[in-house]
Amino acid sequence: MPARALGHTGPMVSVRTPGRRKPKPPVLELAPRPHPWRRALGLVTVVLAGAWLGLLVVGNVRAQVGPMNTTMTLRPSLSGGTKINVSPLGALHLDSHVAPVRLDVNVDQLDPARAQALVDHPERLSGLQDEVARDVEHGTLDLAVRSCVAVVAGATALGLAVYRRPGRAAAAGGLALALLAASGGTAYATWNPKSVLEPRFSGLLSSAPSLVGNARSIVTEFDVYQKELARLVTNVTKLYDVTSTLPAYQPDPTTVRVLHVSDIHLNPASWKIIASLVEQYKVDVIVDSGDTMDHGTAAENGFLDPVANLGAPYVWVRGNHDSVLTQRYLEGVRGVHVLDRGRAVTVAGLRFAGIGDPQYTPDRSTVPGGGDAEERAGAELAAALRAQRAAGTPVDVAIAHEPSAARGVDGEVPLVLAGHLHHEQTEVLEKGTRLRVEGSTGGSGLRAVEGKYPDPIEASILYFDRDTRRLQAWDEIKLGGLGLTTAEVSRHLPKENQPGAAPTPTDPATATPTTTTRAPTGPATAP
């Protein structure tokens, strides 16, 4: 009932039940937010790491540049530039641009098909420069597109893994693309095409400037160098192709075959050519009449190591570019017979005697002896030949480097071999000795580019009767020098061996060629 009805007339008092107190509303507190620069630094770190991983996984392009197979790659770098790796020679570093990315170009190998096409069609060399430029342009464009995809994908994937939010991952990918675009713009703005003229070499290429000449001449005559280098590549390949298919002479079983070489002058292509001739002609002995080296230093001695594997004994005399160090090194090479001071040796049934050149012209500290020294060497060799004949072991072939020294043995031996002149010639001396001067089997080495017309590579195959040990015939082999692609093989007979002539082995006459075979663009045919 209401209180008023109960007779209660005072003020109303509310009564609260214990335990029913109204709770206070909760106080909301915000978590502390990280500083903006920390968030930005974290995002940049994720972007850079993701971009780098993307480049490592898919950021490279395999491209053909001319006759070469290459791999192009973008790499993070503080200095930028371009690095060209030419294994195993070393690397070239070009200051091509300033940007946080470096272009790496690895030369993997030479494409045999494209290289052979250049050899078979030398006229294509005229367009090789434009072809290489197009190949580099296409490869760089492909690399740029693939690198963009790799950088954006790598940064986005890593951002999603770290933040687990699509929005943050997309921000990472966008930032990566922006950084790559900025790097590309910086590289384009700082691009230096002249950097190719001032490369830095590392590895074995550090000695390259001493081989190619003065740097200023390379810059001012770049087109000439470019053409000559292209011709050199074509020519050396053609030489290997021609000499591997030279005609195989089928001699009588009683014939001794001697390969005469001279004046190699550090040309490494000579060993391939000599080995091919030994195999094709079934050579019994190789005679080298000197100037195998260029300076005769100990550093050059390793060039002589292939001599042991040429497939035939090697008889050698010292030239004016070969030092005593060279001679001592060859004395220790298997299968080599070093002749000097008239020393004689019998190889393949023939008796050889020779003398080294008395002059060593690379040594500027000594005064060359000139013609007098050569004449004394010839007189010494003639005395040794007379002593051999008196002992009942007559010499069949004498060897000297200088023709002027070789002339001193006239009348003491049927045949004397020489070199030095870098061109082939044959003559019968006054007393009946035949003098055979060989050309340069090394094409005069580095000197091949000094003159207007390069020296050819020359060698000869001499055929001796095994019983009489007299010269029966010889083949002159001439291969085109730098920039030429010809091969010529000519057969020569002494007059007494020509059809209808009476044999006069003790009175040799002048030689005349009977057959000549030329191969202007391909392998020579049988003479």
Protein backbone atom coordinates (compact mmCIF):
# COMPACT_ATOMS: atom_id res chain seq x y z
CA MET A 1 0.00 0.00 0.00
CA PRO A 2 1.19 3.55 -0.45
CA ALA A 3 2.73 5.19 2.52
CA ARG A 4 0.15 7.98 2.52
CA ALA A 5 -2.56 5.43 2.91
CA LEU A 6 -0.87 3.99 5.92
CA GLY A 7 -0.99 7.36 7.59
CA HIS A 8 2.60 8.28 7.01
CA THR A 9 2.89 11.97 6.26
CA GLY A 10 6.70 12.60 6.38
CA PRO A 11 9.17 12.78 3.43
CA MET A 12 9.87 9.60 1.46
CA VAL A 13 13.22 7.97 1.93
CA SER A 14 14.71 5.58 -0.70
CA VAL A 15 16.26 2.42 0.53
CA ARG A 16 19.20 0.80 -1.37
CA THR A 17 19.73 -2.84 -1.25
CA PRO A 18 23.33 -3.81 -0.35
CA GLY A 19 25.39 -5.37 -3.34
CA ARG A 20 23.50 -3.57 -6.09
CA ARG A 21 25.98 -0.61 -6.57
CA LYS A 22 26.10 0.65 -10.20
CA PRO A 23 29.54 -0.10 -11.89
CA LYS A 24 31.74 2.75 -13.21
CA PRO A 25 32.14 2.97 -17.00
CA PRO A 26 35.52 1.51 -18.31
CA VAL A 27 38.31 3.90 -19.27
CA LEU A 28 39.70 3.27 -22.86
CA GLU A 29 43.54 3.62 -23.28
CA LEU A 30 45.30 3.78 -26.79
CA ALA A 31 48.40 1.55 -27.42
CA PRO A 32 51.61 3.56 -28.21
CA ARG A 33 52.17 3.91 -31.99
CA PRO A 34 55.70 3.43 -33.49
CA HIS A 35 57.52 6.47 -34.80
CA PRO A 36 56.93 7.09 -38.54
CA TRP A 37 60.63 6.92 -39.43
CA ARG A 38 60.88 3.45 -37.91
CA ARG A 39 57.96 2.25 -39.97
CA ALA A 40 59.51 3.77 -43.10
CA LEU A 41 62.89 2.23 -42.37
CA GLY A 42 61.32 -1.17 -41.86
CA LEU A 43 59.40 -0.89 -45.13
CA VAL A 44 62.53 0.17 -47.05
CA THR A 45 64.46 -2.74 -45.54
CA VAL A 46 61.76 -5.19 -46.61
CA VAL A 47 61.67 -3.66 -50.11
CA LEU A 48 65.44 -3.79 -50.62
CA ALA A 49 65.71 -7.34 -49.30
CA GLY A 50 62.79 -8.52 -51.44
CA ALA A 51 64.12 -6.77 -54.54
CA TRP A 52 67.57 -8.33 -54.06
CA LEU A 53 66.08 -11.78 -53.61
CA GLY A 54 63.96 -11.29 -56.73
CA LEU A 55 67.01 -10.36 -58.79
CA LEU A 56 68.91 -13.36 -57.50
CA VAL A 57 66.12 -15.76 -58.47
CA VAL A 58 64.99 -14.56 -61.90
CA GLY A 59 66.83 -11.33 -62.64
CA ASN A 60 69.16 -12.51 -65.44
CA VAL A 61 68.90 -12.89 -69.20
CA ARG A 62 70.80 -15.20 -71.55
CA ALA A 63 71.46 -13.31 -74.77
CA GLN A 64 73.47 -13.85 -77.93
CA VAL A 65 75.82 -10.97 -78.74
CA GLY A 66 77.32 -11.58 -82.16
CA PRO A 67 78.92 -15.05 -82.09
CA MET A 68 78.99 -15.15 -78.26
CA ASN A 69 76.54 -16.50 -75.69
CA THR A 70 76.29 -14.15 -72.71
CA THR A 71 74.39 -13.83 -69.43
CA MET A 72 73.29 -10.31 -68.41
CA THR A 73 72.43 -9.58 -64.78
CA LEU A 74 71.60 -6.53 -62.65
CA ARG A 75 73.23 -6.46 -59.21
CA PRO A 76 72.90 -4.02 -56.28
CA SER A 77 75.97 -1.79 -56.12
CA LEU A 78 77.10 1.39 -54.43
CA SER A 79 79.13 2.61 -57.40
CA GLY A 80 77.26 1.28 -60.44
CA GLY A 81 79.20 0.68 -63.66
CA THR A 82 79.49 -2.40 -65.86
CA LYS A 83 81.53 -5.53 -65.26
CA ILE A 84 82.32 -7.86 -68.18
CA ASN A 85 83.59 -11.27 -67.09
CA VAL A 86 85.68 -13.11 -69.69
CA SER A 87 86.54 -16.40 -68.05
CA PRO A 88 89.27 -17.52 -67.53
CA LEU A 89 91.14 -14.38 -68.61
CA GLY A 90 89.65 -12.00 -66.06
CA ALA A 91 87.26 -9.05 -66.12
CA LEU A 92 86.83 -5.57 -67.57
CA HIS A 93 85.33 -2.80 -65.43
CA LEU A 94 83.66 0.16 -67.19
CA ASP A 95 82.55 3.38 -65.50
CA SER A 96 79.45 3.36 -67.69
CA HIS A 97 76.98 4.91 -65.22
CA VAL A 98 76.46 6.01 -61.62
CA ALA A 99 73.50 4.26 -59.97
CA PRO A 100 72.82 1.78 -57.15
CA VAL A 101 72.72 -1.08 -59.72
CA ARG A 102 75.58 -2.67 -61.67
CA LEU A 103 75.29 -4.46 -65.00
CA ASP A 104 77.17 -7.78 -65.05
CA VAL A 105 77.85 -9.42 -68.43
CA ASN A 106 79.30 -12.94 -68.38
CA VAL A 107 80.73 -14.20 -71.67
CA ASP A 108 79.84 -17.89 -71.38
CA GLN A 109 81.05 -19.38 -74.67
CA LEU A 110 81.49 -18.91 -78.40
CA ASP A 111 78.52 -20.07 -80.44
CA PRO A 112 80.06 -22.61 -82.89
CA ALA A 113 77.30 -22.24 -85.49
CA ARG A 114 77.43 -18.43 -85.65
CA ALA A 115 81.23 -18.40 -85.55
CA GLN A 116 81.41 -20.90 -88.40
CA ALA A 117 78.93 -18.81 -90.38
CA LEU A 118 81.28 -15.82 -90.11
CA VAL A 119 84.19 -17.99 -91.26
CA ASP A 120 82.26 -19.38 -94.23
CA HIS A 121 80.92 -15.95 -95.20
CA PRO A 122 83.58 -13.29 -94.38
CA GLU A 123 81.44 -10.65 -96.09
CA ARG A 124 79.16 -10.72 -93.04
CA LEU A 125 81.90 -9.11 -90.96
CA SER A 126 81.01 -5.75 -92.47
CA GLY A 127 77.67 -5.87 -90.64
CA LEU A 128 78.94 -7.46 -87.44
CA GLN A 129 79.13 -4.15 -85.56
CA ASP A 130 75.47 -3.33 -86.25
CA GLU A 131 74.46 -6.89 -85.35
CA VAL A 132 76.26 -6.70 -82.01
CA ALA A 133 74.63 -3.33 -81.27
CA ARG A 134 71.18 -4.77 -81.95
CA ASP A 135 71.89 -7.84 -79.83
CA VAL A 136 73.01 -5.71 -76.88
CA GLU A 137 69.96 -3.45 -77.21
CA HIS A 138 67.53 -6.37 -77.25
CA GLY A 139 69.28 -8.12 -74.38
CA THR A 140 69.28 -4.96 -72.24
CA LEU A 141 65.59 -4.31 -72.92
CA ASP A 142 64.69 -7.89 -72.02
CA LEU A 143 66.81 -7.60 -68.86
CA ALA A 144 65.08 -4.34 -67.86
CA VAL A 145 61.60 -5.85 -68.18
CA ARG A 146 62.53 -9.04 -66.35
CA SER A 147 64.30 -7.09 -63.60
CA CYS A 148 61.18 -4.93 -63.04
CA VAL A 149 59.05 -8.02 -62.64
CA ALA A 150 61.62 -9.68 -60.37
CA VAL A 151 62.04 -6.60 -58.14
CA VAL A 152 58.30 -5.91 -57.75
CA ALA A 153 57.44 -9.57 -57.21
CA GLY A 154 60.22 -10.09 -54.68
CA ALA A 155 59.38 -6.98 -52.67
CA THR A 156 55.63 -7.74 -52.72
CA ALA A 157 56.11 -11.35 -51.65
CA LEU A 158 58.42 -10.45 -48.79
CA GLY A 159 56.11 -7.61 -47.69
CA LEU A 160 53.16 -10.02 -47.55
CA ALA A 161 55.24 -12.50 -45.52
CA VAL A 162 56.37 -9.84 -43.02
CA TYR A 163 53.25 -7.67 -42.62
CA ARG A 164 50.55 -10.21 -43.56
CA ARG A 165 48.47 -7.36 -44.99
CA PRO A 166 47.77 -7.01 -48.73
CA GLY A 167 47.85 -3.23 -48.44
CA ARG A 168 51.34 -3.20 -46.95
CA ALA A 169 52.53 -5.78 -49.52
CA ALA A 170 51.22 -3.62 -52.36
CA ALA A 171 52.98 -0.59 -50.86
CA ALA A 172 56.24 -2.54 -50.78
CA GLY A 173 55.85 -3.52 -54.44
CA GLY A 174 55.07 0.05 -55.46
CA LEU A 175 58.05 1.42 -53.55
CA ALA A 176 60.30 -1.20 -55.19
CA LEU A 177 59.11 -0.16 -58.63
CA ALA A 178 59.68 3.50 -57.78
CA LEU A 179 63.22 2.82 -56.56
CA LEU A 180 64.00 0.82 -59.70
CA ALA A 181 62.64 3.58 -61.91
CA ALA A 182 64.74 6.15 -60.04
CA SER A 183 67.85 3.95 -60.45
CA GLY A 184 67.15 3.58 -64.16
CA GLY A 185 66.69 7.31 -64.56
CA THR A 186 69.95 8.01 -62.74
CA ALA A 187 71.80 5.47 -64.88
CA TYR A 188 70.36 7.02 -68.05
CA ALA A 189 71.29 10.55 -66.93
CA THR A 190 74.87 9.56 -66.05
CA TRP A 191 75.43 7.15 -68.99
CA ASN A 192 78.99 7.48 -70.32
CA PRO A 193 79.46 5.77 -73.72
CA LYS A 194 83.16 6.70 -73.79
CA SER A 195 83.85 4.42 -70.82
CA VAL A 196 84.49 1.57 -73.26
CA LEU A 197 87.66 3.38 -74.34
CA GLU A 198 89.05 3.43 -70.78
CA PRO A 199 88.42 -0.02 -69.27
CA ARG A 200 90.13 -1.31 -66.16
CA PHE A 201 91.55 -4.81 -66.47
CA SER A 202 91.80 -7.42 -63.75
CA GLY A 203 93.12 -10.97 -63.84
CA LEU A 204 95.22 -12.13 -66.77
CA LEU A 205 93.87 -9.23 -68.83
CA SER A 206 96.08 -6.84 -66.86
CA SER A 207 98.81 -7.43 -69.46
CA ALA A 208 96.54 -6.64 -72.40
CA PRO A 209 97.72 -3.03 -72.98
CA SER A 210 101.31 -4.19 -73.54
CA LEU A 211 100.09 -6.55 -76.25
CA VAL A 212 97.80 -4.27 -78.21
CA GLY A 213 99.97 -1.16 -78.23
CA ASN A 214 99.59 2.47 -77.31
CA ALA A 215 96.17 3.32 -75.84
CA ARG A 216 95.99 6.62 -77.72
CA SER A 217 96.40 4.87 -81.07
CA ILE A 218 93.58 2.48 -80.16
CA VAL A 219 91.24 5.40 -79.51
CA THR A 220 92.19 7.40 -82.59
CA GLU A 221 92.26 4.39 -84.93
CA PHE A 222 89.47 2.35 -83.39
CA ASP A 223 87.89 1.41 -86.70
CA VAL A 224 91.19 0.04 -88.01
CA TYR A 225 91.72 -2.03 -84.88
CA GLN A 226 88.15 -3.30 -85.04
CA LYS A 227 88.52 -4.50 -88.62
CA GLU A 228 91.92 -6.09 -88.02
CA LEU A 229 90.72 -7.94 -84.91
CA ALA A 230 87.70 -9.27 -86.79
CA ARG A 231 89.94 -10.42 -89.62
CA LEU A 232 92.32 -12.05 -87.15
CA VAL A 233 89.51 -14.13 -85.64
CA THR A 234 88.30 -15.17 -89.07
CA ASN A 235 91.78 -15.90 -90.35
CA VAL A 236 92.96 -18.03 -87.42
CA THR A 237 89.79 -20.12 -87.58
CA LYS A 238 90.21 -20.56 -91.32
CA LEU A 239 93.86 -21.59 -90.85
CA TYR A 240 92.87 -24.34 -88.48
CA ASP A 241 90.16 -25.47 -90.89
CA VAL A 242 92.46 -25.50 -93.93
CA THR A 243 95.44 -27.19 -92.29
CA SER A 244 93.27 -29.95 -90.84
CA THR A 245 92.32 -31.00 -94.38
CA LEU A 246 95.55 -30.44 -96.31
CA PRO A 247 96.32 -33.20 -98.83
CA ALA A 248 97.81 -36.32 -97.29
CA TYR A 249 100.84 -37.31 -99.36
CA GLN A 250 101.20 -41.06 -99.85
CA PRO A 251 104.96 -41.44 -100.10
CA ASP A 252 106.99 -44.48 -101.02
CA PRO A 253 107.90 -46.55 -97.94
CA THR A 254 111.56 -45.69 -98.57
CA THR A 255 110.89 -41.92 -98.22
CA VAL A 256 111.85 -39.95 -95.12
CA ARG A 257 109.62 -36.93 -94.57
CA VAL A 258 111.04 -33.81 -92.88
CA LEU A 259 108.92 -30.79 -91.88
CA HIS A 260 110.98 -27.56 -92.02
CA VAL A 261 109.68 -24.66 -89.92
CA SER A 262 111.29 -21.41 -88.85
CA ASP A 263 110.71 -17.99 -87.26
CA ILE A 264 107.58 -18.89 -85.27
CA HIS A 265 108.01 -15.75 -83.12
CA LEU A 266 105.64 -16.75 -80.31
CA ASN A 267 102.62 -17.37 -82.54
CA PRO A 268 100.56 -20.02 -80.67
CA ALA A 269 98.62 -20.89 -83.84
CA SER A 270 101.84 -22.38 -85.23
CA TRP A 271 101.68 -25.41 -82.93
CA LYS A 272 98.23 -26.34 -84.22
CA ILE A 273 99.42 -25.98 -87.80
CA ILE A 274 102.59 -28.00 -87.20
CA ALA A 275 100.69 -30.80 -85.44
CA SER A 276 98.21 -30.94 -88.31
CA LEU A 277 101.00 -31.15 -90.90
CA VAL A 278 102.76 -33.88 -88.91
CA GLU A 279 99.60 -35.95 -88.90
CA GLN A 280 98.55 -35.30 -92.50
CA TYR A 281 101.98 -35.88 -94.05
CA LYS A 282 103.14 -38.58 -91.60
CA VAL A 283 106.25 -36.53 -90.83
CA ASP A 284 109.30 -38.39 -89.45
CA VAL A 285 111.19 -35.39 -88.04
CA ILE A 286 110.64 -31.63 -87.58
CA VAL A 287 113.50 -29.18 -88.18
CA ASP A 288 113.22 -25.69 -86.66
CA SER A 289 115.86 -23.23 -87.90
CA GLY A 290 115.38 -20.75 -85.06
CA ASP A 291 113.64 -17.60 -83.83
CA THR A 292 110.97 -19.66 -82.10
CA MET A 293 110.78 -16.93 -79.45
CA ASP A 294 110.55 -13.15 -79.63
CA HIS A 295 112.68 -11.96 -76.70
CA GLY A 296 114.11 -15.20 -75.30
CA THR A 297 113.10 -14.39 -71.71
CA ALA A 298 112.42 -17.04 -69.08
CA ALA A 299 108.79 -15.88 -68.97
CA GLU A 300 108.35 -17.07 -72.54
CA ASN A 301 109.62 -20.61 -71.91
CA GLY A 302 106.15 -22.01 -71.25
CA PHE A 303 105.32 -21.29 -74.89
CA LEU A 304 107.63 -24.19 -75.83
CA ASP A 305 105.80 -26.89 -73.87
CA PRO A 306 103.61 -28.09 -76.80
CA VAL A 307 106.77 -29.19 -78.67
CA ALA A 308 106.78 -32.47 -76.71
CA ASN A 309 103.34 -33.39 -78.08
CA LEU A 310 103.72 -32.56 -81.78
CA GLY A 311 104.05 -36.21 -82.76
CA ALA A 312 107.60 -36.23 -84.19
CA PRO A 313 111.21 -35.63 -83.01
CA TYR A 314 112.16 -31.97 -82.99
CA VAL A 315 115.59 -30.78 -84.22
CA TRP A 316 116.28 -27.15 -83.26
CA VAL A 317 118.98 -24.48 -83.63
CA ARG A 318 119.05 -21.13 -81.87
CA GLY A 319 118.02 -17.96 -83.74
CA ASN A 320 118.97 -14.37 -83.01
CA HIS A 321 115.72 -13.97 -80.97
CA ASP A 322 116.37 -17.13 -78.93
CA SER A 323 118.52 -16.81 -75.82
CA VAL A 324 120.76 -19.30 -74.06
CA LEU A 325 117.91 -19.61 -71.51
CA THR A 326 115.65 -20.71 -74.33
CA GLN A 327 118.21 -23.26 -75.49
CA ARG A 328 118.66 -24.73 -72.01
CA TYR A 329 114.91 -25.03 -71.56
CA LEU A 330 114.49 -26.90 -74.84
CA GLU A 331 117.33 -29.27 -73.93
CA GLY A 332 115.10 -30.54 -71.14
CA VAL A 333 111.99 -31.05 -73.32
CA ARG A 334 111.22 -34.62 -74.33
CA GLY A 335 111.93 -35.44 -77.99
CA VAL A 336 113.96 -32.29 -78.71
CA HIS A 337 117.49 -32.40 -80.18
CA VAL A 338 119.28 -29.07 -79.71
CA LEU A 339 122.18 -28.58 -82.14
CA ASP A 340 124.98 -26.07 -81.58
CA ARG A 341 128.69 -25.66 -82.28
CA GLY A 342 128.43 -28.22 -85.10
CA ARG A 343 126.94 -31.00 -82.96
CA ALA A 344 125.50 -33.84 -85.06
CA VAL A 345 122.66 -36.27 -84.41
CA THR A 346 120.97 -39.03 -86.43
CA VAL A 347 117.17 -38.93 -86.46
CA ALA A 348 114.86 -41.05 -88.69
CA GLY A 349 117.90 -42.29 -90.65
CA LEU A 350 119.18 -38.79 -91.53
CA ARG A 351 122.23 -37.16 -89.97
CA PHE A 352 121.79 -33.50 -88.99
CA ALA A 353 124.37 -30.99 -87.77
CA GLY A 354 123.79 -27.38 -86.81
CA ILE A 355 124.98 -24.24 -85.08
CA GLY A 356 123.10 -21.60 -83.11
CA ASP A 357 123.08 -17.99 -84.18
CA PRO A 358 126.07 -16.17 -82.64
CA GLN A 359 124.00 -13.02 -82.10
CA TYR A 360 121.24 -12.34 -79.59
CA THR A 361 119.71 -9.10 -80.83
CA PRO A 362 117.12 -8.47 -78.03
CA ASP A 363 120.04 -7.90 -75.63
CA ARG A 364 120.70 -4.18 -76.14
CA SER A 365 123.66 -4.28 -73.75
CA THR A 366 125.82 -6.09 -76.32
CA VAL A 367 126.98 -4.88 -79.72
CA PRO A 368 125.79 -7.18 -82.54
CA GLY A 369 128.57 -8.95 -84.35
CA GLY A 370 127.04 -8.41 -87.76
CA GLY A 371 128.10 -10.31 -90.86
CA ASP A 372 131.55 -11.16 -89.49
CA ALA A 373 130.04 -13.12 -86.60
CA GLU A 374 127.79 -15.04 -89.00
CA GLU A 375 130.70 -15.89 -91.29
CA ARG A 376 132.72 -17.20 -88.33
CA ALA A 377 129.73 -19.34 -87.31
CA GLY A 378 129.52 -20.72 -90.86
CA ALA A 379 133.24 -21.52 -90.85
CA GLU A 380 132.88 -23.32 -87.50
CA LEU A 381 129.98 -25.40 -88.82
CA ALA A 382 131.92 -26.25 -92.01
CA ALA A 383 134.87 -27.48 -89.91
CA ALA A 384 132.53 -29.70 -87.89
CA LEU A 385 131.08 -31.13 -91.12
CA ARG A 386 134.56 -32.00 -92.38
CA ALA A 387 135.36 -33.69 -89.11
CA GLN A 388 132.17 -35.76 -89.33
CA ARG A 389 133.03 -36.87 -92.87
CA ALA A 390 136.55 -37.80 -91.84
CA ALA A 391 135.11 -39.90 -89.01
CA GLY A 392 132.97 -41.87 -91.48
CA THR A 393 129.66 -40.27 -90.38
CA PRO A 394 128.94 -37.69 -93.09
CA VAL A 395 126.15 -35.21 -92.46
CA ASP A 396 123.12 -35.19 -94.76
CA VAL A 397 121.52 -31.88 -93.67
CA ALA A 398 123.16 -28.84 -92.06
CA ILE A 399 121.14 -26.21 -90.18
CA ALA A 400 121.87 -22.55 -89.39
CA HIS A 401 119.55 -19.65 -88.69
CA GLU A 402 121.18 -16.93 -90.81
CA PRO A 403 121.54 -17.63 -94.56
CA SER A 404 124.90 -15.83 -94.48
CA ALA A 405 126.16 -18.41 -91.99
CA ALA A 406 124.62 -21.24 -94.01
CA ARG A 407 126.55 -20.18 -97.11
CA GLY A 408 129.76 -20.96 -95.29
CA VAL A 409 129.16 -24.72 -95.60
CA ASP A 410 129.00 -24.70 -99.42
CA GLY A 411 130.59 -27.89 -100.73
CA GLU A 412 130.60 -29.65 -97.34
CA VAL A 413 127.02 -30.99 -97.34
CA PRO A 414 124.29 -31.67 -99.95
CA LEU A 415 121.63 -29.53 -98.24
CA VAL A 416 121.64 -26.69 -95.70
CA LEU A 417 118.49 -25.23 -94.10
CA ALA A 418 118.07 -21.68 -92.78
CA GLY A 419 115.46 -19.06 -91.93
CA HIS A 420 115.61 -15.46 -90.65
CA LEU A 421 114.42 -13.72 -93.84
CA HIS A 422 110.68 -14.39 -93.27
CA HIS A 423 110.25 -15.44 -96.87
CA GLU A 424 110.98 -18.67 -98.73
CA GLN A 425 113.77 -19.04 -101.26
CA THR A 426 115.91 -21.80 -102.74
CA GLU A 427 119.26 -21.64 -104.51
CA VAL A 428 122.15 -23.90 -105.39
CA LEU A 429 125.44 -22.43 -104.18
CA GLU A 430 128.62 -22.24 -106.21
CA LYS A 431 130.05 -25.57 -105.01
CA GLY A 432 126.77 -27.50 -105.37
CA THR A 433 125.19 -27.26 -101.92
CA ARG A 434 121.46 -26.51 -102.03
CA LEU A 435 120.36 -23.73 -99.66
CA ARG A 436 116.68 -23.82 -98.56
CA VAL A 437 115.52 -20.73 -96.66
CA GLU A 438 112.15 -21.16 -94.95
CA GLY A 439 109.63 -18.38 -94.48
CA SER A 440 108.00 -17.55 -91.15
CA THR A 441 105.85 -20.38 -89.80
CA GLY A 442 104.47 -17.85 -87.31
CA GLY A 443 103.57 -15.29 -89.97
CA SER A 444 106.21 -13.03 -88.36
CA GLY A 445 104.28 -13.11 -85.07
CA LEU A 446 103.11 -9.67 -83.89
CA ARG A 447 105.09 -8.08 -86.70
CA ALA A 448 102.44 -9.31 -89.14
CA VAL A 449 100.45 -6.09 -88.73
CA GLU A 450 103.37 -3.69 -89.19
CA GLY A 451 103.46 -3.70 -92.98
CA LYS A 452 100.83 -2.99 -95.58
CA TYR A 453 100.63 -6.66 -96.55
CA PRO A 454 100.92 -9.24 -93.74
CA ASP A 455 103.42 -12.06 -93.97
CA PRO A 456 102.01 -15.50 -94.82
CA ILE A 457 102.55 -18.58 -92.67
CA GLU A 458 105.03 -20.83 -94.46
CA ALA A 459 106.46 -24.32 -93.96
CA SER A 460 107.88 -27.07 -96.16
CA ILE A 461 107.76 -30.85 -96.38
CA LEU A 462 111.07 -32.31 -97.62
CA TYR A 463 111.17 -35.83 -99.07
CA PHE A 464 114.42 -37.79 -98.77
CA ASP A 465 115.32 -41.15 -100.25
CA ARG A 466 115.87 -43.48 -97.30
CA ASP A 467 118.78 -45.29 -98.98
CA THR A 468 120.73 -42.44 -100.59
CA ARG A 469 119.50 -39.85 -98.02
CA ARG A 470 119.26 -37.28 -100.84
CA LEU A 471 116.47 -34.73 -101.34
CA GLN A 472 113.91 -36.03 -103.85
CA ALA A 473 111.24 -33.30 -103.73
CA TRP A 474 109.66 -30.73 -101.45
CA ASP A 475 106.25 -29.20 -100.95
CA GLU A 476 106.00 -25.52 -100.11
CA ILE A 477 102.95 -24.77 -97.94
CA LYS A 478 101.79 -21.18 -97.73
CA LEU A 479 98.81 -20.01 -95.67
CA GLY A 480 97.41 -16.49 -95.94
CA GLY A 481 98.52 -14.06 -93.25
CA LEU A 482 96.37 -11.65 -91.24
CA GLY A 483 93.28 -10.71 -93.21
CA LEU A 484 93.83 -13.36 -95.91
CA THR A 485 92.11 -16.73 -96.27
CA THR A 486 94.22 -18.52 -98.90
CA ALA A 487 96.15 -21.77 -98.80
CA GLU A 488 98.70 -22.83 -101.39
CA VAL A 489 100.66 -26.07 -101.73
CA SER A 490 103.28 -26.30 -104.47
CA ARG A 491 105.41 -29.34 -105.37
CA HIS A 492 109.04 -28.81 -106.40
CA LEU A 493 111.59 -31.25 -107.84
CA PRO A 494 115.35 -30.89 -108.20
CA LYS A 495 116.33 -30.81 -111.86
CA GLU A 496 117.94 -34.23 -111.68
CA ASN A 497 114.65 -35.74 -110.48
CA GLN A 498 112.50 -34.29 -113.23
CA PRO A 499 111.15 -36.68 -115.89
CA GLY A 500 113.79 -37.54 -118.49
CA ALA A 501 116.73 -36.18 -116.48
CA ALA A 502 119.69 -38.34 -115.59
CA PRO A 503 120.09 -38.75 -111.82
CA THR A 504 123.01 -36.67 -110.58
CA PRO A 505 122.70 -36.69 -106.80
CA THR A 506 126.21 -35.35 -106.31
CA ASP A 507 125.65 -32.37 -108.58
CA PRO A 508 122.28 -30.80 -107.66
CA ALA A 509 120.83 -28.20 -109.96
CA THR A 510 118.26 -25.53 -109.55
CA ALA A 511 114.74 -26.57 -108.63
CA THR A 512 111.66 -25.80 -110.61
CA PRO A 513 108.04 -26.11 -109.48
CA THR A 514 106.00 -28.79 -111.20
CA THR A 515 102.62 -28.55 -109.50
CA THR A 516 100.89 -25.85 -107.52
CA THR A 517 97.58 -26.16 -105.70
CA ARG A 518 95.76 -23.12 -104.37
CA ALA A 519 92.74 -22.99 -102.10
CA PRO A 520 91.51 -19.36 -101.99
CA THR A 521 88.56 -19.95 -99.66
CA GLY A 522 88.61 -23.58 -98.63
CA PRO A 523 90.70 -26.71 -98.10
CA ALA A 524 93.52 -27.43 -100.51
CA THR A 525 93.23 -30.36 -102.88
CA ALA A 526 95.83 -32.99 -103.59
CA PRO A 527 98.80 -31.74 -105.65
